[in-house]
Amino acid sequence: MDGYEVAALYTRIDRIAKETGTKLASPFYNAVLYGTAGDSDPKLSDEGIFINKYLRFVTRFW
């Protein structure tokens, strides 16, 4: 599977997730973000800066 196929599949499941009503701008990126709680702080996502110690965003971009 090449990068174009992966991108097409990601786009498809991202669209399906959004059609189910998620309010996350990028649900799968956020799932990875929260699933790596043991990794370094802070984390940068499409929504802002997330600090694991406080389990919340300290800065929102929008």
PDB file of N, CA and C in Angstrom:
ATOM      1  N   MET A   1       0.861  -1.171   0.000  1.00  0.00           N
ATOM      2  CA  MET A   1       0.000   0.000   0.000  1.00  0.00           C
ATOM      3  C   MET A   1       0.909   1.237   0.000  1.00  0.00           C
ATOM      4  N   ASP A   2       0.669   2.134  -0.930  1.00  0.00           N
ATOM      5  CA  ASP A   2       1.499   3.340  -0.974  1.00  0.00           C
ATOM      6  C   ASP A   2       0.837   4.480  -0.193  1.00  0.00           C
ATOM      7  N   GLY A   3       1.528   5.586  -0.107  1.00  0.00           N
ATOM      8  CA  GLY A   3       1.049   6.732   0.665  1.00  0.00           C
ATOM      9  C   GLY A   3      -0.267   7.300   0.163  1.00  0.00           C
ATOM     10  N   TYR A   4      -0.482   7.237  -1.135  1.00  0.00           N
ATOM     11  CA  TYR A   4      -1.730   7.758  -1.692  1.00  0.00           C
ATOM     12  C   TYR A   4      -2.926   6.903  -1.259  1.00  0.00           C
ATOM     13  N   GLU A   5      -2.720   5.604  -1.211  1.00  0.00           N
ATOM     14  CA  GLU A   5      -3.795   4.713  -0.759  1.00  0.00           C
ATOM     15  C   GLU A   5      -4.093   4.932   0.721  1.00  0.00           C
ATOM     16  N   VAL A   6      -3.044   5.076   1.509  1.00  0.00           N
ATOM     17  CA  VAL A   6      -3.224   5.335   2.937  1.00  0.00           C
ATOM     18  C   VAL A   6      -3.966   6.655   3.141  1.00  0.00           C
ATOM     19  N   ALA A   7      -3.570   7.677   2.393  1.00  0.00           N
ATOM     20  CA  ALA A   7      -4.227   8.987   2.507  1.00  0.00           C
ATOM     21  C   ALA A   7      -5.700   8.894   2.118  1.00  0.00           C
ATOM     22  N   ALA A   8      -6.010   8.145   1.083  1.00  0.00           N
ATOM     23  CA  ALA A   8      -7.403   7.994   0.653  1.00  0.00           C
ATOM     24  C   ALA A   8      -8.229   7.278   1.720  1.00  0.00           C
ATOM     25  N   LEU A   9      -7.667   6.233   2.321  1.00  0.00           N
ATOM     26  CA  LEU A   9      -8.378   5.515   3.377  1.00  0.00           C
ATOM     27  C   LEU A   9      -8.555   6.389   4.620  1.00  0.00           C
ATOM     28  N   TYR A  10      -7.516   7.126   4.975  1.00  0.00           N
ATOM     29  CA  TYR A  10      -7.617   8.016   6.131  1.00  0.00           C
ATOM     30  C   TYR A  10      -8.703   9.072   5.896  1.00  0.00           C
ATOM     31  N   THR A  11      -8.724   9.639   4.708  1.00  0.00           N
ATOM     32  CA  THR A  11      -9.733  10.639   4.371  1.00  0.00           C
ATOM     33  C   THR A  11     -11.137  10.039   4.475  1.00  0.00           C
ATOM     34  N   ARG A  12     -11.270   8.804   4.033  1.00  0.00           N
ATOM     35  CA  ARG A  12     -12.579   8.146   4.090  1.00  0.00           C
ATOM     36  C   ARG A  12     -13.038   7.914   5.527  1.00  0.00           C
ATOM     37  N   ILE A  13     -12.163   7.349   6.384  1.00  0.00           N
ATOM     38  CA  ILE A  13     -12.592   7.083   7.761  1.00  0.00           C
ATOM     39  C   ILE A  13     -12.736   8.381   8.556  1.00  0.00           C
ATOM     40  N   ASP A  14     -11.970   9.398   8.195  1.00  0.00           N
ATOM     41  CA  ASP A  14     -12.110  10.699   8.847  1.00  0.00           C
ATOM     42  C   ASP A  14     -13.486  11.293   8.525  1.00  0.00           C
ATOM     43  N   ARG A  15     -13.896  11.197   7.267  1.00  0.00           N
ATOM     44  CA  ARG A  15     -15.213  11.694   6.856  1.00  0.00           C
ATOM     45  C   ARG A  15     -16.340  10.918   7.553  1.00  0.00           C
ATOM     46  N   ILE A  16     -16.187   9.598   7.631  1.00  0.00           N
ATOM     47  CA  ILE A  16     -17.198   8.772   8.297  1.00  0.00           C
ATOM     48  C   ILE A  16     -17.318   9.155   9.771  1.00  0.00           C
ATOM     49  N   ALA A  17     -16.193   9.356  10.436  1.00  0.00           N
ATOM     50  CA  ALA A  17     -16.214   9.751  11.848  1.00  0.00           C
ATOM     51  C   ALA A  17     -16.921  11.085  12.023  1.00  0.00           C
ATOM     52  N   LYS A  18     -16.665  12.018  11.124  1.00  0.00           N
ATOM     53  CA  LYS A  18     -17.303  13.332  11.217  1.00  0.00           C
ATOM     54  C   LYS A  18     -18.802  13.246  10.932  1.00  0.00           C
ATOM     55  N   GLU A  19     -19.190  12.346  10.047  1.00  0.00           N
ATOM     56  CA  GLU A  19     -20.612  12.161   9.746  1.00  0.00           C
ATOM     57  C   GLU A  19     -21.375  11.580  10.930  1.00  0.00           C
ATOM     58  N   THR A  20     -20.669  10.899  11.835  1.00  0.00           N
ATOM     59  CA  THR A  20     -21.341  10.331  13.010  1.00  0.00           C
ATOM     60  C   THR A  20     -21.562  11.376  14.093  1.00  0.00           C
ATOM     61  N   GLY A  21     -20.999  12.575  13.894  1.00  0.00           N
ATOM     62  CA  GLY A  21     -21.275  13.664  14.818  1.00  0.00           C
ATOM     63  C   GLY A  21     -20.139  14.089  15.723  1.00  0.00           C
ATOM     64  N   THR A  22     -18.943  13.602  15.498  1.00  0.00           N
ATOM     65  CA  THR A  22     -17.835  14.027  16.342  1.00  0.00           C
ATOM     66  C   THR A  22     -17.611  15.526  16.218  1.00  0.00           C
ATOM     67  N   LYS A  23     -17.239  16.160  17.304  1.00  0.00           N
ATOM     68  CA  LYS A  23     -16.951  17.594  17.290  1.00  0.00           C
ATOM     69  C   LYS A  23     -15.461  17.864  17.149  1.00  0.00           C
ATOM     70  N   LEU A  24     -14.677  16.805  17.076  1.00  0.00           N
ATOM     71  CA  LEU A  24     -13.240  16.955  16.911  1.00  0.00           C
ATOM     72  C   LEU A  24     -12.913  17.274  15.459  1.00  0.00           C
ATOM     73  N   ALA A  25     -12.009  18.204  15.267  1.00  0.00           N
ATOM     74  CA  ALA A  25     -11.621  18.572  13.906  1.00  0.00           C
ATOM     75  C   ALA A  25     -10.856  17.443  13.225  1.00  0.00           C
ATOM     76  N   SER A  26     -10.095  16.698  13.995  1.00  0.00           N
ATOM     77  CA  SER A  26      -9.307  15.592  13.468  1.00  0.00           C
ATOM     78  C   SER A  26      -9.357  14.445  14.474  1.00  0.00           C
ATOM     79  N   PRO A  27     -10.420  13.645  14.450  1.00  0.00           N
ATOM     80  CA  PRO A  27     -10.652  12.658  15.498  1.00  0.00           C
ATOM     81  C   PRO A  27      -9.553  11.611  15.654  1.00  0.00           C
ATOM     82  N   PHE A  28      -8.951  11.172  14.574  1.00  0.00           N
ATOM     83  CA  PHE A  28      -7.947  10.127  14.699  1.00  0.00           C
ATOM     84  C   PHE A  28      -6.623  10.674  15.190  1.00  0.00           C
ATOM     85  N   TYR A  29      -6.304  11.894  14.840  1.00  0.00           N
ATOM     86  CA  TYR A  29      -5.106  12.522  15.396  1.00  0.00           C
ATOM     87  C   TYR A  29      -5.269  12.684  16.896  1.00  0.00           C
ATOM     88  N   ASN A  30      -6.433  13.115  17.337  1.00  0.00           N
ATOM     89  CA  ASN A  30      -6.682  13.283  18.766  1.00  0.00           C
ATOM     90  C   ASN A  30      -6.656  11.947  19.489  1.00  0.00           C
ATOM     91  N   ALA A  31      -7.154  10.882  18.869  1.00  0.00           N
ATOM     92  CA  ALA A  31      -7.108   9.564  19.498  1.00  0.00           C
ATOM     93  C   ALA A  31      -5.669   9.143  19.742  1.00  0.00           C
ATOM     94  N   VAL A  32      -4.807   9.413  18.784  1.00  0.00           N
ATOM     95  CA  VAL A  32      -3.390   9.106  18.961  1.00  0.00           C
ATOM     96  C   VAL A  32      -2.805   9.991  20.048  1.00  0.00           C
ATOM     97  N   LEU A  33      -3.179  11.244  20.066  1.00  0.00           N
ATOM     98  CA  LEU A  33      -2.677  12.183  21.072  1.00  0.00           C
ATOM     99  C   LEU A  33      -2.997  11.699  22.475  1.00  0.00           C
ATOM    100  N   TYR A  34      -4.224  11.302  22.728  1.00  0.00           N
ATOM    101  CA  TYR A  34      -4.619  10.868  24.061  1.00  0.00           C
ATOM    102  C   TYR A  34      -4.083   9.485  24.386  1.00  0.00           C
ATOM    103  N   GLY A  35      -3.850   8.687  23.385  1.00  0.00           N
ATOM    104  CA  GLY A  35      -3.347   7.340  23.609  1.00  0.00           C
ATOM    105  C   GLY A  35      -1.876   7.281  23.948  1.00  0.00           C
ATOM    106  N   THR A  36      -1.177   8.380  23.788  1.00  0.00           N
ATOM    107  CA  THR A  36       0.258   8.406  24.069  1.00  0.00           C
ATOM    108  C   THR A  36       0.544   9.258  25.298  1.00  0.00           C
ATOM    109  N   ALA A  37      -0.219   9.026  26.349  1.00  0.00           N
ATOM    110  CA  ALA A  37      -0.116   9.857  27.547  1.00  0.00           C
ATOM    111  C   ALA A  37       1.259   9.787  28.206  1.00  0.00           C
ATOM    112  N   GLY A  38       1.998   8.724  27.986  1.00  0.00           N
ATOM    113  CA  GLY A  38       3.316   8.611  28.604  1.00  0.00           C
ATOM    114  C   GLY A  38       4.403   9.357  27.856  1.00  0.00           C
ATOM    115  N   ASP A  39       4.085   9.868  26.702  1.00  0.00           N
ATOM    116  CA  ASP A  39       5.083  10.588  25.909  1.00  0.00           C
ATOM    117  C   ASP A  39       5.324  11.975  26.479  1.00  0.00           C
ATOM    118  N   SER A  40       6.211  12.678  25.824  1.00  0.00           N
ATOM    119  CA  SER A  40       6.642  13.987  26.307  1.00  0.00           C
ATOM    120  C   SER A  40       5.530  15.028  26.331  1.00  0.00           C
ATOM    121  N   ASP A  41       5.703  16.004  27.156  1.00  0.00           N
ATOM    122  CA  ASP A  41       4.803  17.155  27.259  1.00  0.00           C
ATOM    123  C   ASP A  41       5.530  18.377  26.726  1.00  0.00           C
ATOM    124  N   PRO A  42       4.862  19.386  26.295  1.00  0.00           N
ATOM    125  CA  PRO A  42       3.451  19.442  25.909  1.00  0.00           C
ATOM    126  C   PRO A  42       3.240  18.830  24.537  1.00  0.00           C
ATOM    127  N   LYS A  43       1.991  18.638  24.172  1.00  0.00           N
ATOM    128  CA  LYS A  43       1.645  18.109  22.858  1.00  0.00           C
ATOM    129  C   LYS A  43       0.919  19.192  22.058  1.00  0.00           C
ATOM    130  N   LEU A  44       1.239  19.227  20.801  1.00  0.00           N
ATOM    131  CA  LEU A  44       0.617  20.192  19.902  1.00  0.00           C
ATOM    132  C   LEU A  44      -0.368  19.444  19.025  1.00  0.00           C
ATOM    133  N   SER A  45      -1.609  19.899  19.000  1.00  0.00           N
ATOM    134  CA  SER A  45      -2.613  19.272  18.143  1.00  0.00           C
ATOM    135  C   SER A  45      -3.293  20.347  17.307  1.00  0.00           C
ATOM    136  N   ASP A  46      -4.259  19.932  16.507  1.00  0.00           N
ATOM    137  CA  ASP A  46      -4.991  20.890  15.685  1.00  0.00           C
ATOM    138  C   ASP A  46      -5.875  21.793  16.538  1.00  0.00           C
ATOM    139  N   GLU A  47      -6.112  21.424  17.798  1.00  0.00           N
ATOM    140  CA  GLU A  47      -6.952  22.230  18.670  1.00  0.00           C
ATOM    141  C   GLU A  47      -6.164  23.155  19.587  1.00  0.00           C
ATOM    142  N   GLY A  48      -4.927  22.846  19.847  1.00  0.00           N
ATOM    143  CA  GLY A  48      -4.136  23.684  20.738  1.00  0.00           C
ATOM    144  C   GLY A  48      -3.022  22.905  21.402  1.00  0.00           C
ATOM    145  N   ILE A  49      -2.556  23.417  22.528  1.00  0.00           N
ATOM    146  CA  ILE A  49      -1.470  22.780  23.273  1.00  0.00           C
ATOM    147  C   ILE A  49      -2.081  22.012  24.442  1.00  0.00           C
ATOM    148  N   PHE A  50      -1.751  20.719  24.505  1.00  0.00           N
ATOM    149  CA  PHE A  50      -2.311  19.821  25.522  1.00  0.00           C
ATOM    150  C   PHE A  50      -1.209  19.444  26.498  1.00  0.00           C
ATOM    151  N   ILE A  51      -1.498  19.555  27.794  1.00  0.00           N
ATOM    152  CA  ILE A  51      -0.543  19.184  28.839  1.00  0.00           C
ATOM    153  C   ILE A  51      -1.077  17.929  29.535  1.00  0.00           C
ATOM    154  N   ASN A  52      -0.312  16.846  29.459  1.00  0.00           N
ATOM    155  CA  ASN A  52      -0.747  15.588  30.066  1.00  0.00           C
ATOM    156  C   ASN A  52      -0.902  15.696  31.578  1.00  0.00           C
ATOM    157  N   LYS A  53      -0.020  16.449  32.214  1.00  0.00           N
ATOM    158  CA  LYS A  53      -0.064  16.564  33.673  1.00  0.00           C
ATOM    159  C   LYS A  53      -1.434  17.048  34.145  1.00  0.00           C
ATOM    160  N   TYR A  54      -2.032  17.958  33.404  1.00  0.00           N
ATOM    161  CA  TYR A  54      -3.333  18.522  33.776  1.00  0.00           C
ATOM    162  C   TYR A  54      -4.495  17.880  33.010  1.00  0.00           C
ATOM    163  N   LEU A  55      -4.159  17.029  32.024  1.00  0.00           N
ATOM    164  CA  LEU A  55      -5.161  16.367  31.170  1.00  0.00           C
ATOM    165  C   LEU A  55      -6.145  17.357  30.564  1.00  0.00           C
ATOM    166  N   ARG A  56      -5.592  18.454  30.061  1.00  0.00           N
ATOM    167  CA  ARG A  56      -6.441  19.458  29.424  1.00  0.00           C
ATOM    168  C   ARG A  56      -5.607  20.321  28.497  1.00  0.00           C
ATOM    169  N   PHE A  57      -6.319  21.060  27.656  1.00  0.00           N
ATOM    170  CA  PHE A  57      -5.656  22.022  26.787  1.00  0.00           C
ATOM    171  C   PHE A  57      -5.357  23.278  27.583  1.00  0.00           C
ATOM    172  N   VAL A  58      -4.154  23.781  27.440  1.00  0.00           N
ATOM    173  CA  VAL A  58      -3.810  25.032  28.116  1.00  0.00           C
ATOM    174  C   VAL A  58      -3.908  26.213  27.160  1.00  0.00           C
ATOM    175  N   THR A  59      -3.906  25.931  25.880  1.00  0.00           N
ATOM    176  CA  THR A  59      -4.058  26.956  24.856  1.00  0.00           C
ATOM    177  C   THR A  59      -4.950  26.395  23.755  1.00  0.00           C
ATOM    178  N   ARG A  60      -5.941  27.147  23.374  1.00  0.00           N
ATOM    179  CA  ARG A  60      -6.808  26.765  22.260  1.00  0.00           C
ATOM    180  C   ARG A  60      -6.513  27.685  21.095  1.00  0.00           C
ATOM    181  N   PHE A  61      -6.484  27.111  19.897  1.00  0.00           N
ATOM    182  CA  PHE A  61      -6.213  27.914  18.702  1.00  0.00           C
ATOM    183  C   PHE A  61      -7.446  28.608  18.182  1.00  0.00           C
ATOM    184  N   TRP A  62      -8.630  28.134  18.562  1.00  0.00           N
ATOM    185  CA  TRP A  62      -9.865  28.748  18.071  1.00  0.00           C
ATOM    186  C   TRP A  62     -10.858  28.857  19.169  1.00  0.00           C
TER     187      TRP A  62
END
